[in-house]
Amino acid sequence: METTGKEAIQPERAVLVAVVRERQEVSQSEEYLDELEFLAETAGITTVKRFMQKLPSPNSRTYVGSGKLEEIAAWTAENEIGVVIFDDELSPSQTHNIEKALGRRITDRTRLILDIFVQRAQTAYAKTQVKLAQYEYMLPRLTGMWTHLERQRGGTGTRGGAGEREIETDRRVIRNNIAKLKEDLKKIDRQMAVQRSNRGSLVRVSLVGYTNVGKSTLMNLISKSDVFAENKLFATLDTTVRKVVLDNLPFLLSDTVGFIRKLPTQLVESFKSTLDEVREADLLLHVVDISHPNFEEQIAVVRETLREIGASDKPVFMVFNKVDAFRYKPKEEDDLTPATRENLSLDEIKRSWMAKGDTPCIFISAKERLNIDKLRTDLYGMVREIHAGRYPFNNFLY
């Protein structure tokens, strides 16, 4: 590979660490680590190995047991690994103890997602939200950070020393920054509330779903716009709103940040204002990646997040995307074990979801534009019904 006079920057190399809890299948833990690896890749980090340990719950001091931690320490030292990433949010004391044992940079799922949000934030609003989440994550972890710096300086780090005074100074600075950022967000929130009120009383439809399920691609197809979309987690942070007209029926369509398992509490709180588009929507298009092996768990994560932000009572249209990528493994005729998700065909899954009846659904491929006309027709019917309920005397227009 050619360079321009400077040696190419190599991505940081990492190992992943997870605890397999009681009544949790190893295959499920592997899928969680697949997602963690995708997060690392999105953040520009290359994963080279995984460590898993079965425990009733994570060790309160070191997340994994002492023996497993020694194994990780030996392997990372021998292979010159730069960072160790844990699949759960570590407490300040866990971070301190693990860093002391491993002697290298430690991060967790929460910090990794925050780092990605930092990279992805484009507008002043998104940047302010991410900064607030970062500060709230950092505040309880300052002691460990300063202990690390004291070691670098060769200081004693004793109580009442320079590090202790610096910690108190930093805590005060961070608390002041948090207060200021919250005030800034309140001002922007008021501006955005005015913008929403100025849109009139058009029906509002919002795309929701797990991250990387194809919401932005679908947004482009329905609205015929050009919203940024790529195969990366959290490609969209800022809410995008477009006016769409289907058969002379106008409505507003919004695309919001994708949800994810264990979405950091700090981000849920700071991004609640961004998610006002979801809370104020008349209809939610819940986009699902049908090709994902655990799509039903992702549906549950989205529903729980909607409940957390106060949007669980909205009418929902389930849009199962990526049928072109769906794969399944038919059972052998002599296999008497119960069928699993991977043994079900797409037709079987369709029948099971369509039979539920309480939530309308459709199966499409945004990438291959399969069944998009039917999606538009169904969406038109739902928006028209909402509009007719709001303006009963204007039905003749449609």
Protein backbone atom coordinates (compact mmCIF):
# COMPACT_ATOMS: atom_id res chain seq x y z
CA MET A 1 0.00 0.00 0.00
CA GLU A 2 1.37 3.37 -1.02
CA THR A 3 1.92 6.11 1.53
CA THR A 4 2.44 9.85 1.14
CA GLY A 5 5.78 10.12 2.91
CA LYS A 6 4.25 9.30 6.29
CA GLU A 7 3.66 5.85 7.65
CA ALA A 8 -0.03 4.95 7.49
CA ILE A 9 -1.78 5.13 10.84
CA GLN A 10 -2.72 1.63 11.99
CA PRO A 11 -6.05 1.14 13.77
CA GLU A 12 -5.87 0.43 17.48
CA ARG A 13 -6.01 -3.27 18.31
CA ALA A 14 -8.38 -4.53 20.99
CA VAL A 15 -9.69 -7.60 22.77
CA LEU A 16 -13.31 -7.94 23.88
CA VAL A 17 -14.43 -9.26 27.27
CA ALA A 18 -17.90 -10.48 28.27
CA VAL A 19 -19.58 -12.37 31.09
CA VAL A 20 -22.01 -15.16 30.16
CA ARG A 21 -24.69 -14.99 32.83
CA GLU A 22 -26.86 -17.75 34.21
CA ARG A 23 -29.58 -18.95 31.84
CA GLN A 24 -27.83 -17.14 28.99
CA GLU A 25 -26.84 -19.12 25.91
CA VAL A 26 -23.23 -18.86 24.75
CA SER A 27 -24.55 -18.21 21.23
CA GLN A 28 -26.40 -15.16 22.54
CA SER A 29 -23.21 -13.89 24.19
CA GLU A 30 -21.39 -14.38 20.90
CA GLU A 31 -24.04 -12.30 19.15
CA TYR A 32 -23.62 -9.57 21.77
CA LEU A 33 -19.87 -9.60 21.15
CA ASP A 34 -20.52 -9.43 17.39
CA GLU A 35 -22.36 -6.19 18.09
CA LEU A 36 -19.57 -4.96 20.38
CA GLU A 37 -17.04 -5.74 17.63
CA PHE A 38 -19.17 -3.77 15.16
CA LEU A 39 -19.19 -0.87 17.65
CA ALA A 40 -15.40 -1.08 17.91
CA GLU A 41 -15.08 -1.15 14.12
CA THR A 42 -17.34 1.92 13.87
CA ALA A 43 -15.01 3.66 16.35
CA GLY A 44 -11.97 2.73 14.23
CA ILE A 45 -10.72 -0.13 16.45
CA THR A 46 -9.76 -3.60 15.21
CA THR A 47 -10.76 -6.61 17.32
CA VAL A 48 -8.23 -9.46 17.47
CA LYS A 49 -9.57 -11.75 20.22
CA ARG A 50 -12.54 -12.39 22.53
CA PHE A 51 -12.63 -13.54 26.14
CA MET A 52 -15.80 -14.89 27.75
CA GLN A 53 -16.41 -16.30 31.23
CA LYS A 54 -19.51 -17.95 32.69
CA LEU A 55 -20.50 -16.28 35.95
CA PRO A 56 -23.79 -15.80 37.82
CA SER A 57 -23.13 -12.05 37.51
CA PRO A 58 -20.09 -9.85 36.80
CA ASN A 59 -17.48 -9.71 39.59
CA SER A 60 -18.06 -6.51 41.58
CA ARG A 61 -14.32 -5.77 41.76
CA THR A 62 -12.87 -6.95 38.45
CA TYR A 63 -15.88 -7.88 36.23
CA VAL A 64 -14.35 -11.33 35.50
CA GLY A 65 -12.67 -13.67 37.97
CA SER A 66 -9.04 -13.19 39.04
CA GLY A 67 -7.84 -16.17 37.00
CA LYS A 68 -9.50 -14.95 33.82
CA LEU A 69 -8.11 -11.46 34.43
CA GLU A 70 -4.59 -12.91 34.71
CA GLU A 71 -5.14 -14.78 31.44
CA ILE A 72 -6.25 -11.55 29.72
CA ALA A 73 -3.28 -9.67 31.19
CA ALA A 74 -0.78 -12.24 29.90
CA TRP A 75 -2.32 -12.42 26.43
CA THR A 76 -2.64 -8.67 25.93
CA ALA A 77 0.93 -8.09 27.12
CA GLU A 78 2.34 -10.78 24.83
CA ASN A 79 0.41 -9.49 21.82
CA GLU A 80 0.86 -5.75 22.51
CA ILE A 81 -2.86 -4.99 22.66
CA GLY A 82 -3.72 -1.32 23.06
CA VAL A 83 -7.21 -1.46 24.56
CA VAL A 84 -9.46 -3.94 26.35
CA ILE A 85 -13.21 -3.43 25.78
CA PHE A 86 -15.83 -4.76 28.19
CA ASP A 87 -19.40 -5.50 27.07
CA ASP A 88 -21.02 -3.90 30.12
CA GLU A 89 -20.66 -0.51 31.75
CA LEU A 90 -17.90 -0.77 34.35
CA SER A 91 -18.17 0.94 37.71
CA PRO A 92 -15.41 3.43 38.62
CA SER A 93 -13.87 0.90 41.05
CA GLN A 94 -13.98 -1.91 38.48
CA THR A 95 -12.25 0.31 35.94
CA HIS A 96 -9.55 1.24 38.44
CA ASN A 97 -8.93 -2.37 39.53
CA ILE A 98 -8.88 -3.77 36.00
CA GLU A 99 -6.58 -1.04 34.69
CA LYS A 100 -4.19 -1.71 37.58
CA ALA A 101 -4.17 -5.44 36.77
CA LEU A 102 -3.84 -5.12 32.99
CA GLY A 103 -1.67 -2.03 32.71
CA ARG A 104 -3.33 -0.78 29.53
CA ARG A 105 -6.27 1.31 28.37
CA ILE A 106 -9.66 0.07 29.50
CA THR A 107 -13.01 1.03 28.04
CA ASP A 108 -16.53 -0.30 28.28
CA ARG A 109 -19.59 -0.50 26.08
CA THR A 110 -20.95 2.82 27.34
CA ARG A 111 -17.71 4.73 26.74
CA LEU A 112 -17.35 3.15 23.30
CA ILE A 113 -20.83 4.30 22.28
CA LEU A 114 -20.09 7.77 23.64
CA ASP A 115 -16.87 7.88 21.58
CA ILE A 116 -18.83 6.95 18.45
CA PHE A 117 -21.38 9.68 19.17
CA VAL A 118 -18.50 12.17 19.50
CA GLN A 119 -17.22 11.14 16.06
CA ARG A 120 -20.68 11.23 14.48
CA ALA A 121 -22.05 14.46 15.95
CA GLN A 122 -22.30 17.08 13.20
CA THR A 123 -24.63 19.84 14.35
CA ALA A 124 -24.21 22.10 17.37
CA TYR A 125 -27.25 20.46 18.96
CA ALA A 126 -25.87 16.91 18.66
CA LYS A 127 -22.44 18.01 19.86
CA THR A 128 -23.98 19.69 22.92
CA GLN A 129 -25.98 16.55 23.74
CA VAL A 130 -22.92 14.32 23.41
CA LYS A 131 -20.76 16.63 25.54
CA LEU A 132 -23.38 16.54 28.28
CA ALA A 133 -23.47 12.73 28.19
CA GLN A 134 -19.65 12.58 28.29
CA TYR A 135 -19.40 14.84 31.33
CA GLU A 136 -22.07 12.89 33.19
CA TYR A 137 -20.16 9.67 32.46
CA MET A 138 -16.83 11.17 33.53
CA LEU A 139 -17.93 12.81 36.78
CA PRO A 140 -18.01 9.69 39.03
CA ARG A 141 -14.83 8.33 37.40
CA LEU A 142 -12.46 11.23 38.09
CA THR A 143 -10.70 9.53 41.01
CA GLY A 144 -9.52 6.65 38.85
CA MET A 145 -8.40 9.03 36.10
CA TRP A 146 -6.31 11.08 38.52
CA THR A 147 -4.79 7.99 40.16
CA HIS A 148 -3.60 7.00 36.70
CA LEU A 149 -2.10 10.47 36.12
CA GLU A 150 -0.36 10.42 39.53
CA ARG A 151 1.38 7.17 38.56
CA GLN A 152 2.53 8.72 35.29
CA ARG A 153 4.00 11.69 37.17
CA GLY A 154 5.62 9.51 39.81
CA GLY A 155 3.51 11.16 42.51
CA THR A 156 2.32 9.53 45.68
CA GLY A 157 -1.38 10.13 45.09
CA THR A 158 -1.94 10.28 48.84
CA ARG A 159 -5.08 11.79 50.28
CA GLY A 160 -4.83 15.55 50.42
CA GLY A 161 -2.10 15.60 47.76
CA ALA A 162 -2.05 17.41 44.42
CA GLY A 163 -4.18 14.76 42.79
CA GLU A 164 -6.90 15.10 45.43
CA ARG A 165 -7.01 18.89 45.01
CA GLU A 166 -7.08 18.54 41.21
CA ILE A 167 -9.97 16.07 41.45
CA GLU A 168 -12.05 18.52 43.45
CA THR A 169 -11.20 21.30 40.99
CA ASP A 170 -12.16 19.10 38.05
CA ARG A 171 -15.40 18.01 39.70
CA ARG A 172 -16.37 21.65 40.16
CA VAL A 173 -15.45 22.46 36.53
CA ILE A 174 -17.41 19.48 35.20
CA ARG A 175 -20.47 20.28 37.32
CA ASN A 176 -20.38 23.85 36.00
CA ASN A 177 -20.05 22.55 32.43
CA ILE A 178 -22.98 20.19 32.95
CA ALA A 179 -25.14 23.03 34.27
CA LYS A 180 -24.20 25.26 31.32
CA LEU A 181 -24.82 22.52 28.74
CA LYS A 182 -28.24 21.80 30.23
CA GLU A 183 -29.12 25.48 29.93
CA ASP A 184 -27.86 25.52 26.33
CA LEU A 185 -30.01 22.48 25.53
CA LYS A 186 -33.06 24.14 27.09
CA LYS A 187 -32.60 27.14 24.76
CA ILE A 188 -32.24 24.89 21.71
CA ASP A 189 -35.22 22.82 22.87
CA ARG A 190 -37.38 25.94 22.96
CA GLN A 191 -36.24 26.87 19.45
CA MET A 192 -37.00 23.38 18.16
CA ALA A 193 -40.40 23.38 19.87
CA VAL A 194 -41.23 26.59 18.01
CA GLN A 195 -40.08 24.98 14.74
CA ARG A 196 -42.33 21.98 15.36
CA SER A 197 -45.30 24.20 16.15
CA ASN A 198 -44.67 26.19 12.94
CA ARG A 199 -45.10 23.06 10.84
CA GLY A 200 -48.81 23.32 11.27
CA SER A 201 -50.95 20.33 12.06
CA LEU A 202 -49.74 17.91 9.42
CA VAL A 203 -49.78 14.25 10.37
CA ARG A 204 -46.37 13.24 11.76
CA VAL A 205 -44.78 9.87 11.03
CA SER A 206 -41.52 8.85 12.68
CA LEU A 207 -39.09 6.09 11.75
CA VAL A 208 -37.79 4.19 14.77
CA GLY A 209 -35.74 1.03 15.13
CA TYR A 210 -32.54 -0.60 16.24
CA THR A 211 -29.38 0.98 14.88
CA ASN A 212 -28.32 -0.07 11.36
CA VAL A 213 -31.65 -1.59 10.29
CA GLY A 214 -31.98 0.64 7.21
CA LYS A 215 -34.12 3.53 8.49
CA SER A 216 -32.22 6.21 6.57
CA THR A 217 -32.34 4.19 3.34
CA LEU A 218 -36.08 3.81 3.79
CA MET A 219 -36.39 7.52 4.54
CA ASN A 220 -34.75 8.25 1.20
CA LEU A 221 -37.14 5.94 -0.66
CA ILE A 222 -40.32 7.29 0.90
CA SER A 223 -39.40 10.98 0.84
CA LYS A 224 -37.28 10.85 -2.33
CA SER A 225 -34.59 12.76 -0.44
CA ASP A 226 -30.88 12.14 0.11
CA VAL A 227 -30.36 11.44 3.81
CA PHE A 228 -26.90 10.13 4.76
CA ALA A 229 -26.96 6.32 5.07
CA GLU A 230 -24.18 3.77 5.46
CA ASN A 231 -23.50 0.35 6.97
CA LYS A 232 -22.28 1.71 10.28
CA LEU A 233 -23.85 1.94 13.72
CA PHE A 234 -25.36 5.33 14.57
CA ALA A 235 -24.92 6.78 11.07
CA THR A 236 -27.71 9.21 12.00
CA LEU A 237 -27.63 11.28 15.21
CA ASP A 238 -29.61 14.38 14.31
CA THR A 239 -33.30 14.06 13.58
CA THR A 240 -34.11 14.64 9.92
CA VAL A 241 -37.62 15.80 9.00
CA ARG A 242 -38.99 15.80 5.44
CA LYS A 243 -42.36 16.77 4.03
CA VAL A 244 -43.75 13.87 2.00
CA VAL A 245 -46.73 13.91 -0.36
CA LEU A 246 -48.44 10.63 -1.31
CA ASP A 247 -51.32 11.00 -3.78
CA ASN A 248 -51.82 14.64 -2.79
CA LEU A 249 -51.80 13.77 0.92
CA PRO A 250 -49.00 15.66 2.72
CA PHE A 251 -47.41 14.53 5.99
CA LEU A 252 -44.11 14.90 7.86
CA LEU A 253 -41.63 12.01 8.03
CA SER A 254 -38.77 12.03 10.54
CA ASP A 255 -35.73 9.79 11.00
CA THR A 256 -34.11 9.62 14.44
CA VAL A 257 -31.08 8.10 16.13
CA GLY A 258 -31.14 4.29 16.22
CA PHE A 259 -31.58 2.44 19.48
CA ILE A 260 -29.27 -0.26 20.80
CA ARG A 261 -29.05 -2.80 23.61
CA LYS A 262 -27.70 -1.18 26.78
CA LEU A 263 -27.98 2.31 25.31
CA PRO A 264 -26.17 4.47 27.89
CA THR A 265 -28.51 6.17 30.35
CA GLN A 266 -26.59 9.42 29.84
CA LEU A 267 -27.39 9.36 26.11
CA VAL A 268 -31.06 8.49 26.63
CA GLU A 269 -31.37 11.47 28.96
CA SER A 270 -29.44 13.96 26.82
CA PHE A 271 -31.10 12.86 23.57
CA LYS A 272 -34.66 12.93 24.92
CA SER A 273 -35.17 16.31 23.27
CA THR A 274 -34.06 14.93 19.91
CA LEU A 275 -36.58 12.15 20.43
CA ASP A 276 -39.41 14.65 20.85
CA GLU A 277 -40.16 13.91 17.20
CA VAL A 278 -40.95 10.35 18.27
CA ARG A 279 -43.02 11.40 21.29
CA GLU A 280 -45.07 13.84 19.20
CA ALA A 281 -45.54 11.50 16.23
CA ASP A 282 -49.00 10.30 15.19
CA LEU A 283 -47.60 7.04 13.76
CA LEU A 284 -44.36 5.10 14.25
CA LEU A 285 -42.76 3.06 11.48
CA HIS A 286 -40.82 0.47 13.47
CA VAL A 287 -38.12 -0.74 11.05
CA VAL A 288 -36.68 -4.21 11.76
CA ASP A 289 -33.74 -6.05 10.20
CA ILE A 290 -35.44 -9.40 9.48
CA SER A 291 -32.08 -10.90 8.45
CA HIS A 292 -30.61 -10.41 11.92
CA PRO A 293 -30.51 -13.66 13.95
CA ASN A 294 -31.91 -11.92 17.04
CA PHE A 295 -34.32 -9.48 15.43
CA GLU A 296 -37.01 -10.26 18.00
CA GLU A 297 -34.70 -9.19 20.84
CA GLN A 298 -33.96 -5.99 18.93
CA ILE A 299 -37.71 -5.37 18.66
CA ALA A 300 -37.95 -5.77 22.44
CA VAL A 301 -35.07 -3.28 22.96
CA VAL A 302 -36.80 -0.69 20.77
CA ARG A 303 -40.11 -1.17 22.56
CA GLU A 304 -38.45 -0.78 25.94
CA THR A 305 -36.65 2.40 24.80
CA LEU A 306 -39.96 3.80 23.51
CA ARG A 307 -41.44 3.08 26.92
CA GLU A 308 -38.54 4.91 28.61
CA ILE A 309 -39.08 8.06 26.54
CA GLY A 310 -42.87 7.99 26.94
CA ALA A 311 -43.81 6.91 23.41
CA SER A 312 -45.05 3.35 23.96
CA ASP A 313 -48.72 4.23 23.33
CA LYS A 314 -48.25 5.28 19.69
CA PRO A 315 -49.83 3.42 16.75
CA VAL A 316 -47.10 1.28 15.14
CA PHE A 317 -46.56 -0.04 11.61
CA MET A 318 -43.96 -2.85 11.66
CA VAL A 319 -41.65 -2.70 8.62
CA PHE A 320 -39.51 -5.83 8.30
CA ASN A 321 -36.58 -4.78 6.12
CA LYS A 322 -33.72 -6.67 4.41
CA VAL A 323 -35.73 -9.67 3.21
CA ASP A 324 -33.11 -9.97 0.46
CA ALA A 325 -30.50 -10.85 3.10
CA PHE A 326 -32.69 -13.34 5.02
CA ARG A 327 -31.19 -16.82 5.44
CA TYR A 328 -32.44 -19.89 7.27
CA LYS A 329 -31.36 -23.47 7.93
CA PRO A 330 -34.11 -26.03 7.23
CA LYS A 331 -34.38 -28.84 9.77
CA GLU A 332 -33.45 -32.34 8.75
CA GLU A 333 -36.42 -34.71 8.50
CA ASP A 334 -35.09 -36.94 11.29
CA ASP A 335 -34.27 -33.98 13.59
CA LEU A 336 -36.72 -34.22 16.50
CA THR A 337 -35.36 -31.25 18.47
CA PRO A 338 -37.64 -28.18 18.72
CA ALA A 339 -37.37 -25.70 15.86
CA THR A 340 -35.33 -22.57 16.55
CA ARG A 341 -35.42 -19.13 14.95
CA GLU A 342 -32.83 -20.16 12.33
CA ASN A 343 -35.03 -23.11 11.26
CA LEU A 344 -37.97 -20.89 10.30
CA SER A 345 -38.45 -19.82 6.71
CA LEU A 346 -39.36 -16.27 5.75
CA ASP A 347 -42.90 -17.41 4.86
CA GLU A 348 -43.31 -18.98 8.32
CA ILE A 349 -42.13 -15.79 10.00
CA LYS A 350 -44.45 -13.71 7.82
CA ARG A 351 -47.45 -15.86 8.72
CA SER A 352 -46.65 -15.71 12.44
CA TRP A 353 -46.40 -11.91 12.50
CA MET A 354 -49.31 -11.26 10.17
CA ALA A 355 -51.49 -13.57 12.28
CA LYS A 356 -51.04 -11.35 15.33
CA GLY A 357 -53.35 -8.77 13.80
CA ASP A 358 -52.98 -6.12 16.50
CA THR A 359 -49.97 -4.53 14.77
CA PRO A 360 -49.97 -4.11 10.96
CA CYS A 361 -46.76 -5.25 9.28
CA ILE A 362 -45.05 -5.51 5.90
CA PHE A 363 -41.93 -7.26 4.59
CA ILE A 364 -39.66 -5.29 2.26
CA SER A 365 -36.14 -4.69 1.02
CA ALA A 366 -35.26 -1.00 0.93
CA LYS A 367 -31.94 -1.83 -0.74
CA GLU A 368 -33.54 -3.85 -3.56
CA ARG A 369 -36.77 -1.79 -3.54
CA LEU A 370 -38.91 -4.88 -2.97
CA ASN A 371 -42.55 -4.26 -1.95
CA ILE A 372 -41.95 -0.49 -1.66
CA ASP A 373 -45.10 0.38 -3.66
CA LYS A 374 -47.18 -1.71 -1.24
CA LEU A 375 -45.46 0.07 1.67
CA ARG A 376 -46.38 3.47 0.22
CA THR A 377 -49.98 2.35 -0.35
CA ASP A 378 -50.34 1.03 3.21
CA LEU A 379 -48.67 4.11 4.66
CA TYR A 380 -50.98 6.36 2.65
CA GLY A 381 -54.01 4.53 4.05
CA MET A 382 -52.81 4.92 7.66
CA VAL A 383 -51.93 8.61 7.29
CA ARG A 384 -55.24 9.27 5.55
CA GLU A 385 -57.14 7.61 8.41
CA ILE A 386 -55.33 9.78 10.98
CA HIS A 387 -55.94 12.88 8.86
CA ALA A 388 -59.62 12.03 8.46
CA GLY A 389 -60.00 11.70 12.21
CA ARG A 390 -58.39 15.10 12.70
CA TYR A 391 -60.22 16.87 9.84
CA PRO A 392 -63.50 14.99 9.27
CA PHE A 393 -64.86 17.67 6.93
CA ASN A 394 -61.84 17.64 4.60
CA ASN A 395 -62.09 13.99 3.58
CA PHE A 396 -63.42 14.85 0.14
CA LEU A 397 -59.95 16.19 -0.77
CA TYR A 398 -58.50 12.70 -0.73
